[in-house]
Protein backbone atom coordinates (compact mmCIF):
# COMPACT_ATOMS: atom_id res chain seq x y z
CA MET A 1 114.29 -31.36 -96.88
CA GLN A 2 117.73 -32.76 -98.04
CA VAL A 3 117.67 -36.14 -99.33
CA PHE A 4 120.57 -38.85 -98.94
CA ILE A 5 120.85 -42.17 -100.55
CA LYS A 6 122.74 -44.83 -98.79
CA ARG A 7 124.03 -47.83 -100.74
CA ASP A 8 127.28 -49.12 -99.43
CA ALA A 9 128.29 -51.04 -102.52
CA THR A 10 128.16 -47.87 -104.75
CA VAL A 11 131.26 -47.14 -106.68
CA ILE A 12 132.04 -43.62 -107.91
CA THR A 13 134.23 -43.23 -111.13
CA GLU A 14 137.08 -40.78 -111.07
CA ASP A 15 135.14 -38.31 -113.06
CA GLY A 16 132.50 -38.33 -110.31
CA HIS A 17 129.72 -40.42 -111.64
CA VAL A 18 127.90 -43.64 -110.10
CA ALA A 19 129.37 -46.56 -111.78
CA GLY A 20 127.72 -49.70 -113.04
CA LYS A 21 124.73 -50.73 -115.12
CA ASP A 22 123.09 -53.35 -112.92
CA ALA A 23 120.15 -52.65 -110.67
CA GLY A 24 121.94 -51.21 -107.70
CA PRO A 25 123.79 -48.31 -109.32
CA THR A 26 120.86 -47.65 -111.72
CA LEU A 27 118.52 -47.24 -108.86
CA VAL A 28 120.96 -44.86 -107.04
CA ARG A 29 121.18 -42.70 -110.21
CA ARG A 30 117.26 -42.80 -110.34
CA PHE A 31 116.97 -41.57 -106.95
CA LEU A 32 119.47 -38.72 -107.61
CA ARG A 33 117.53 -37.77 -110.53
CA LEU A 34 114.11 -37.97 -108.64
CA PHE A 35 115.35 -35.81 -105.82
CA PRO A 36 117.16 -32.78 -107.01
CA GLY A 37 119.87 -31.71 -104.86
CA SER A 38 120.18 -35.12 -103.07
CA ASN A 39 123.53 -36.62 -102.26
CA LEU A 40 125.18 -39.95 -101.38
CA ILE A 41 126.15 -41.36 -98.03
CA GLY A 42 129.88 -42.54 -98.28
CA PRO A 43 133.03 -42.93 -96.27
CA ALA A 44 134.74 -39.65 -96.91
CA PRO A 45 133.67 -36.25 -98.29
CA ARG A 46 133.70 -35.89 -102.10
CA ARG A 47 132.56 -33.50 -104.71
CA CYS A 48 130.86 -35.42 -107.73
CA ASP A 49 129.27 -34.56 -111.02
CA GLY A 50 125.90 -33.10 -109.74
CA PHE A 51 126.05 -34.47 -106.17
CA ASP A 52 128.20 -34.87 -103.13
CA VAL A 53 129.33 -37.87 -101.15
CA VAL A 54 128.72 -37.02 -97.47
CA PRO A 55 129.77 -39.25 -94.42
CA LEU A 56 126.88 -40.40 -92.25
CA ALA A 57 128.00 -38.56 -89.28
CA PHE A 58 127.80 -35.30 -91.06
CA VAL A 59 124.02 -35.56 -91.87
CA ASP A 60 121.85 -33.19 -90.08
CA PRO A 61 118.80 -34.98 -88.89
CA ALA A 62 116.78 -31.70 -88.36
CA ASP A 63 116.10 -31.35 -92.34
CA SER A 64 117.24 -34.61 -93.73
CA VAL A 65 115.80 -37.80 -95.06
CA ILE A 66 118.10 -40.93 -95.67
CA ILE A 67 116.98 -43.56 -98.19
CA ASN A 68 118.61 -46.63 -97.04
CA MET A 69 119.10 -49.36 -99.80
CA ASP A 70 120.97 -51.62 -97.24
CA VAL A 71 117.95 -51.87 -94.90
CA LEU A 72 119.50 -54.41 -92.45
CA ASP A 73 121.59 -51.48 -90.75
CA SER A 74 119.01 -48.89 -90.47
CA CYS A 75 119.12 -49.03 -86.65
CA ASP A 76 122.83 -48.49 -86.68
CA VAL A 77 122.34 -45.57 -89.16
CA TRP A 78 119.73 -43.98 -86.88
CA ARG A 79 122.18 -44.35 -83.83
CA THR A 80 125.05 -42.85 -85.65
CA VAL A 81 123.18 -39.84 -86.95
CA PHE A 82 121.37 -39.29 -83.59
CA HIS A 83 124.53 -39.10 -81.46
CA ALA A 84 126.58 -37.31 -84.01
CA SER A 85 124.04 -34.54 -84.25
CA GLY A 86 124.31 -33.77 -80.49
CA GLU A 87 120.61 -32.74 -80.50
CA ASP A 88 117.49 -34.38 -79.49
CA VAL A 89 116.26 -34.75 -83.04
CA GLN A 90 114.88 -38.08 -84.59
CA PRO A 91 116.81 -39.07 -87.66
CA GLN A 92 114.46 -39.68 -90.62
CA ILE A 93 115.03 -42.88 -92.57
CA MET A 94 113.12 -44.71 -95.41
CA ASN A 95 114.03 -48.27 -96.19
CA PHE A 96 114.14 -49.15 -99.77
CA VAL A 97 113.64 -52.97 -100.51
CA TRP A 98 114.64 -53.80 -103.92
CA TRP A 99 116.14 -57.23 -103.69
CA PRO A 100 114.36 -60.71 -102.92
CA VAL A 101 113.70 -60.85 -99.23
CA ARG A 102 114.13 -64.63 -99.61
CA ASP A 103 117.80 -64.06 -100.14
CA LEU A 104 118.09 -63.58 -96.51
CA GLU A 105 119.19 -66.92 -94.93
CA HIS A 106 120.72 -66.35 -91.63
CA ARG A 107 118.33 -66.00 -88.63
CA VAL A 108 120.14 -62.80 -87.27
CA GLU A 109 119.73 -61.19 -90.75
CA LYS A 110 116.00 -61.93 -90.87
CA GLN A 111 115.42 -60.57 -87.43
CA LEU A 112 117.40 -57.35 -88.19
CA PHE A 113 115.52 -56.97 -91.51
CA ALA A 114 112.18 -57.51 -89.77
CA LEU A 115 112.98 -55.04 -86.99
CA SER A 116 114.14 -52.38 -89.51
CA CYS A 117 111.13 -52.65 -91.58
CA ALA A 118 108.88 -52.44 -88.47
CA LEU A 119 110.66 -49.37 -87.04
CA PHE A 120 111.16 -47.32 -90.17
CA PRO A 121 108.84 -46.55 -93.25
CA THR A 122 109.57 -48.99 -95.97
CA PHE A 123 109.05 -48.78 -99.65
CA ALA A 124 109.26 -51.93 -101.82
CA SER A 125 110.04 -52.25 -105.48
CA SER A 126 107.18 -54.53 -106.22
CA HIS A 127 103.85 -55.99 -104.77
CA ARG A 128 105.63 -59.33 -104.17
CA THR A 129 108.47 -57.76 -102.41
CA ALA A 130 106.05 -55.81 -100.32
CA GLN A 131 104.08 -59.17 -99.26
CA GLU A 132 107.35 -60.73 -98.15
CA VAL A 133 108.24 -57.56 -96.07
CA ARG A 134 104.85 -57.75 -94.40
CA GLU A 135 105.22 -61.48 -93.71
CA MET A 136 108.55 -61.24 -92.25
CA VAL A 137 107.69 -58.21 -89.95
CA ALA A 138 104.57 -60.08 -88.65
CA LYS A 139 106.55 -63.27 -88.15
CA ARG A 140 109.57 -62.05 -86.49
CA THR A 141 108.44 -58.95 -84.36
CA THR A 142 105.73 -58.47 -81.75
CA SER A 143 102.22 -57.67 -82.60
CA ASP A 144 102.48 -54.11 -81.12
CA ILE A 145 105.71 -53.27 -83.16
CA ALA A 146 104.36 -54.87 -86.39
CA ALA A 147 101.30 -52.82 -85.96
CA GLN A 148 103.23 -49.47 -86.24
CA ALA A 149 104.99 -50.41 -89.49
CA LYS A 150 104.48 -48.21 -92.70
CA LEU A 151 104.82 -49.98 -96.00
CA ALA A 152 104.12 -48.92 -99.65
CA TRP A 153 105.07 -50.37 -102.92
CA VAL A 154 104.99 -49.82 -106.57
CA ASN A 155 106.62 -51.62 -109.64
CA LEU A 156 109.98 -50.15 -110.54
CA GLY A 157 109.10 -49.87 -114.24
CA PHE A 158 111.36 -48.74 -117.06
CA ARG A 159 111.78 -45.54 -119.16
CA LEU A 160 109.44 -46.01 -122.09
CA ASP A 161 111.48 -43.55 -124.13
CA HIS A 162 114.49 -45.68 -124.39
CA VAL A 163 112.57 -48.28 -126.54
CA GLN A 164 113.84 -48.62 -130.19
CA GLU A 165 112.36 -49.66 -133.35
CA ARG A 166 112.64 -53.37 -133.96
CA GLN A 167 115.39 -54.62 -136.41
CA ALA A 168 114.98 -58.11 -138.00
CA THR A 169 118.12 -60.20 -137.86
CA GLU A 170 118.91 -63.15 -140.49
CA VAL A 171 119.49 -65.44 -137.56
CA PRO A 172 117.21 -65.28 -134.40
CA ILE A 173 118.87 -63.88 -131.31
CA VAL A 174 118.14 -65.47 -127.79
CA LEU A 175 119.00 -63.56 -124.63
CA TYR A 176 120.16 -64.96 -121.36
CA PRO A 177 118.02 -62.41 -119.40
CA ALA A 178 120.42 -62.14 -116.40
CA ILE A 179 123.71 -60.51 -115.47
CA TYR A 180 124.76 -63.17 -113.01
CA LEU A 181 125.48 -66.95 -113.23
CA THR A 182 124.28 -67.71 -109.81
CA ARG A 183 122.48 -70.99 -108.77
CA THR A 184 119.11 -69.24 -108.50
CA LYS A 185 119.41 -67.89 -112.12
CA ARG A 186 119.77 -71.59 -113.23
CA PRO A 187 122.19 -71.06 -116.31
CA ASP A 188 122.67 -74.91 -116.72
CA PHE A 189 118.98 -75.14 -117.23
CA PHE A 190 119.07 -72.32 -119.70
CA ARG A 191 122.02 -73.99 -121.56
CA LYS A 192 120.09 -77.31 -121.80
CA VAL A 193 116.89 -76.01 -123.22
CA VAL A 194 118.75 -73.71 -125.66
CA GLU A 195 121.05 -76.38 -126.92
CA LYS A 196 118.08 -78.68 -127.62
CA VAL A 197 116.33 -75.87 -129.62
CA ARG A 198 119.55 -75.15 -131.59
CA ALA A 199 119.63 -78.82 -132.49
CA ARG A 200 116.39 -78.02 -134.47
CA THR A 201 116.90 -74.51 -135.76
CA ARG A 202 119.32 -71.85 -136.16
CA LEU A 203 119.83 -69.29 -133.31
CA THR A 204 122.55 -67.27 -131.38
CA VAL A 205 122.76 -66.52 -127.79
CA GLU A 206 123.59 -63.29 -126.25
CA MET A 207 124.91 -63.10 -122.63
CA ARG A 208 125.75 -59.71 -121.00
CA LEU A 209 127.15 -60.37 -117.78
CA HIS A 210 128.28 -58.27 -114.75
CA GLU A 211 132.18 -58.03 -114.51
CA THR A 212 132.39 -60.28 -111.50
CA HIS A 213 130.89 -63.28 -113.44
CA LEU A 214 132.24 -62.45 -116.80
CA VAL A 215 135.57 -64.11 -115.91
CA SER A 216 133.92 -67.04 -114.18
CA GLU A 217 134.63 -70.58 -115.14
CA LYS A 218 130.97 -70.98 -116.29
CA ALA A 219 131.14 -67.87 -118.41
CA MET A 220 134.19 -69.40 -120.10
CA GLU A 221 132.17 -72.53 -120.80
CA PHE A 222 129.51 -70.62 -122.53
CA SER A 223 132.02 -68.61 -124.40
CA ARG A 224 133.56 -71.68 -125.86
CA LEU A 225 130.39 -72.31 -127.78
CA ASN A 226 130.62 -70.68 -131.14
CA TRP A 227 126.95 -69.85 -131.41
CA VAL A 228 127.14 -67.97 -127.96
CA TRP A 229 128.35 -64.43 -127.46
CA VAL A 230 129.40 -63.65 -123.97
CA GLY A 231 130.39 -60.01 -123.03
CA PRO A 232 130.23 -57.12 -120.61
CA LEU A 233 127.25 -55.05 -119.87
CA THR A 234 126.67 -52.26 -122.42
CA SER A 235 128.09 -49.07 -121.47
CA GLN A 236 125.14 -46.94 -122.57
CA ARG A 237 121.44 -47.42 -122.28
CA SER A 238 120.98 -46.63 -125.90
CA SER A 239 123.33 -49.42 -126.91
CA TYR A 240 121.39 -51.70 -124.47
CA TYR A 241 117.97 -50.95 -126.10
CA GLN A 242 119.52 -51.10 -129.55
CA ALA A 243 120.53 -54.68 -128.76
CA LEU A 244 117.00 -55.61 -127.39
CA ALA A 245 115.47 -54.18 -130.65
CA GLN A 246 117.30 -56.99 -132.52
CA THR A 247 116.51 -59.67 -129.95
CA THR A 248 113.97 -62.24 -130.94
CA ALA A 249 113.16 -64.08 -127.55
CA PHE A 250 114.49 -64.66 -124.16
CA LEU A 251 114.29 -67.60 -121.72
CA ALA A 252 113.86 -66.78 -118.09
CA THR A 253 115.11 -69.43 -115.79
CA ALA A 254 115.39 -67.83 -112.40
CA THR A 255 113.83 -69.55 -109.30
CA GLU A 256 113.20 -66.13 -107.40
CA GLU A 257 113.08 -62.46 -108.35
CA ALA A 258 112.22 -59.33 -106.52
CA TYR A 259 110.68 -57.67 -109.37
CA GLY A 260 112.35 -58.59 -112.83
CA LEU A 261 113.39 -55.29 -114.50
CA ALA A 262 115.43 -56.86 -117.30
CA TYR A 263 112.57 -59.13 -118.21
CA VAL A 264 110.14 -55.95 -118.34
CA GLU A 265 112.63 -53.91 -120.44
CA ALA A 266 112.94 -56.71 -122.91
CA MET A 267 109.31 -57.21 -123.32
CA GLY A 268 108.62 -53.52 -123.61
CA SER A 269 111.08 -53.63 -126.54
CA GLY A 270 109.03 -56.44 -128.25
CA VAL A 271 111.21 -59.39 -127.13
CA ILE A 272 109.19 -62.46 -126.54
CA GLY A 273 109.49 -63.89 -122.95
CA ILE A 274 109.45 -67.41 -122.04
CA PHE A 275 108.94 -67.70 -118.25
CA PRO A 276 109.05 -70.41 -115.57
CA ASP A 277 105.40 -70.80 -114.15
CA LEU A 278 106.43 -69.29 -110.75
CA ALA A 279 104.71 -66.49 -108.73
CA TRP A 280 107.41 -63.78 -109.53
CA ALA A 281 106.97 -64.17 -113.18
CA ARG A 282 103.12 -64.17 -113.10
CA ALA A 283 103.32 -60.96 -111.12
CA LEU A 284 104.92 -59.41 -114.20
CA LEU A 285 102.44 -60.69 -116.77
CA PRO A 286 98.80 -60.39 -117.91
CA ALA A 287 96.60 -63.29 -116.43
CA ASP A 288 96.35 -65.21 -119.74
CA TYR A 289 100.10 -65.04 -120.57
CA PRO A 290 100.60 -68.06 -122.97
CA TYR A 291 104.37 -68.69 -122.40
CA LEU A 292 104.70 -70.04 -118.88
CA TYR A 293 106.41 -73.46 -118.83
CA THR A 294 106.54 -76.00 -116.06
CA SER A 295 108.98 -78.61 -117.46
CA GLU A 296 112.06 -78.55 -119.63
CA SER A 297 110.14 -80.05 -122.64
CA GLU A 298 107.62 -77.14 -122.31
CA ALA A 299 110.25 -74.58 -122.15
CA GLU A 300 111.97 -76.08 -125.21
CA LYS A 301 108.61 -76.20 -127.27
CA MET A 302 107.79 -72.52 -126.31
CA LEU A 303 111.36 -71.25 -127.23
CA TYR A 304 111.26 -73.06 -130.44
CA GLN A 305 108.09 -71.57 -131.39
CA ALA A 306 109.15 -68.07 -130.29
CA ILE A 307 112.20 -68.06 -132.69
CA THR A 308 110.43 -69.94 -135.67
CA GLU A 309 107.07 -68.25 -135.56
CA PRO A 310 107.70 -64.87 -133.79
CA GLU A 311 104.91 -62.87 -135.51
CA GLN A 312 102.41 -65.65 -134.40
CA CYS A 313 103.75 -65.60 -130.91
CA ARG A 314 103.42 -61.65 -130.76
CA ALA A 315 99.71 -62.01 -131.95
CA GLU A 316 99.06 -64.50 -129.05
CA LEU A 317 100.65 -62.01 -126.77
CA ASP A 318 98.53 -59.18 -127.93
CA ALA A 319 95.54 -61.22 -127.59
CA ALA A 320 96.44 -62.16 -123.94
CA ALA A 321 96.87 -58.47 -123.24
CA GLY A 322 93.42 -57.66 -124.84
CA GLY A 323 95.08 -55.38 -127.61
CA SER A 324 98.69 -54.47 -127.64
CA PHE A 325 101.05 -56.45 -125.50
CA THR A 326 103.85 -53.98 -125.53
CA GLY A 327 101.26 -51.25 -124.66
CA TRP A 328 100.03 -53.42 -121.68
CA VAL A 329 103.68 -53.59 -120.58
CA ASN A 330 104.18 -49.81 -120.98
CA GLU A 331 100.98 -49.11 -119.10
CA HIS A 332 101.73 -51.64 -116.10
CA HIS A 333 105.61 -51.11 -115.93
CA SER A 334 106.18 -47.41 -116.66
CA ASP A 335 108.61 -45.80 -114.47
CA ASP A 336 106.46 -42.60 -114.26
CA ALA A 337 104.36 -44.55 -111.70
CA PHE A 338 107.31 -45.43 -109.63
CA ASP A 339 108.55 -41.85 -109.63
CA ARG A 340 105.43 -40.34 -108.70
CA GLU A 341 104.79 -42.88 -105.78
CA VAL A 342 108.10 -42.80 -104.24
CA VAL A 343 108.28 -39.04 -104.07
CA SER A 344 104.74 -38.85 -102.84
CA ARG A 345 105.47 -41.28 -99.94
CA VAL A 346 108.78 -39.50 -99.01
CA ASN A 347 106.67 -36.31 -98.79
CA GLU A 348 103.85 -38.01 -96.87
CA TRP A 349 105.93 -39.82 -94.38
CA PHE A 350 108.36 -37.15 -93.57
CA GLU A 351 106.01 -34.14 -93.97
CA SER A 352 108.27 -32.17 -96.25
């Protein structure tokens, strides 16, 4: 069985590698690693480093599975492959939903998404995302179509072997735990809380942003503050985890997340996470997690404690996890579980 990964926004560097460090390209590389010999779908044929780019019309449906990360166009993908093959062979497609379903706003997109997930086996990146998929299919398709839907999920998780030994810093470092400055990430709320904490104690802030937001007006506003470092995403995973090993705490402010890989990676590295008391955050954490805020004042109080009494906070996290908190994170968010489950589902659904 030949596996093809489709994500239209994927960029290939001149030397034949998948470019980018945010979730999309990271997941593309992960699928390439999980399925040896797999290739990418792209507009024109190209030889790359360890994989090929193949146009959709060149895919042979007789022995191929397409993992579609775009999801909304799976019906069009099916028609293109089916008619291009010239044979009465059903194309095999698996949807991979790795972004918040609630991001879909237009009714046409919602309808296309629901139909796609009802017609083709769908794998979600978290339990919460799977629930949203199930609700959308039930609400926007007929009962007989919804009854045929195949859906599975597992948390994405992270590579445990990337974690580095913690390194103390003279001034506590607070991480802005997102790479975008969009409205749903609430960067203004982040700034308001951190400024209040900084008025009481020393701290620095680090923001590693996607290139499209690094040059934004809001990024410029942050960079004018002499206690805030604003820069690009790290070029290597080792550098990223080295920075996490020196980070004291992060303040999560997003209103919605499909999973929250950046938060998990930070917590697994020993960074103290301050979260909004929302369903997406609770899905990542032990039931008794102590640092969930419902107001600006609570967020300020928790962040102040995290950077002035970090060892006490980590002791409270250990107690909430019933032992070692980082051990709990590793157990519940290891990418080994994702790797096993997604490979198993591809084999099960497509009888390889």
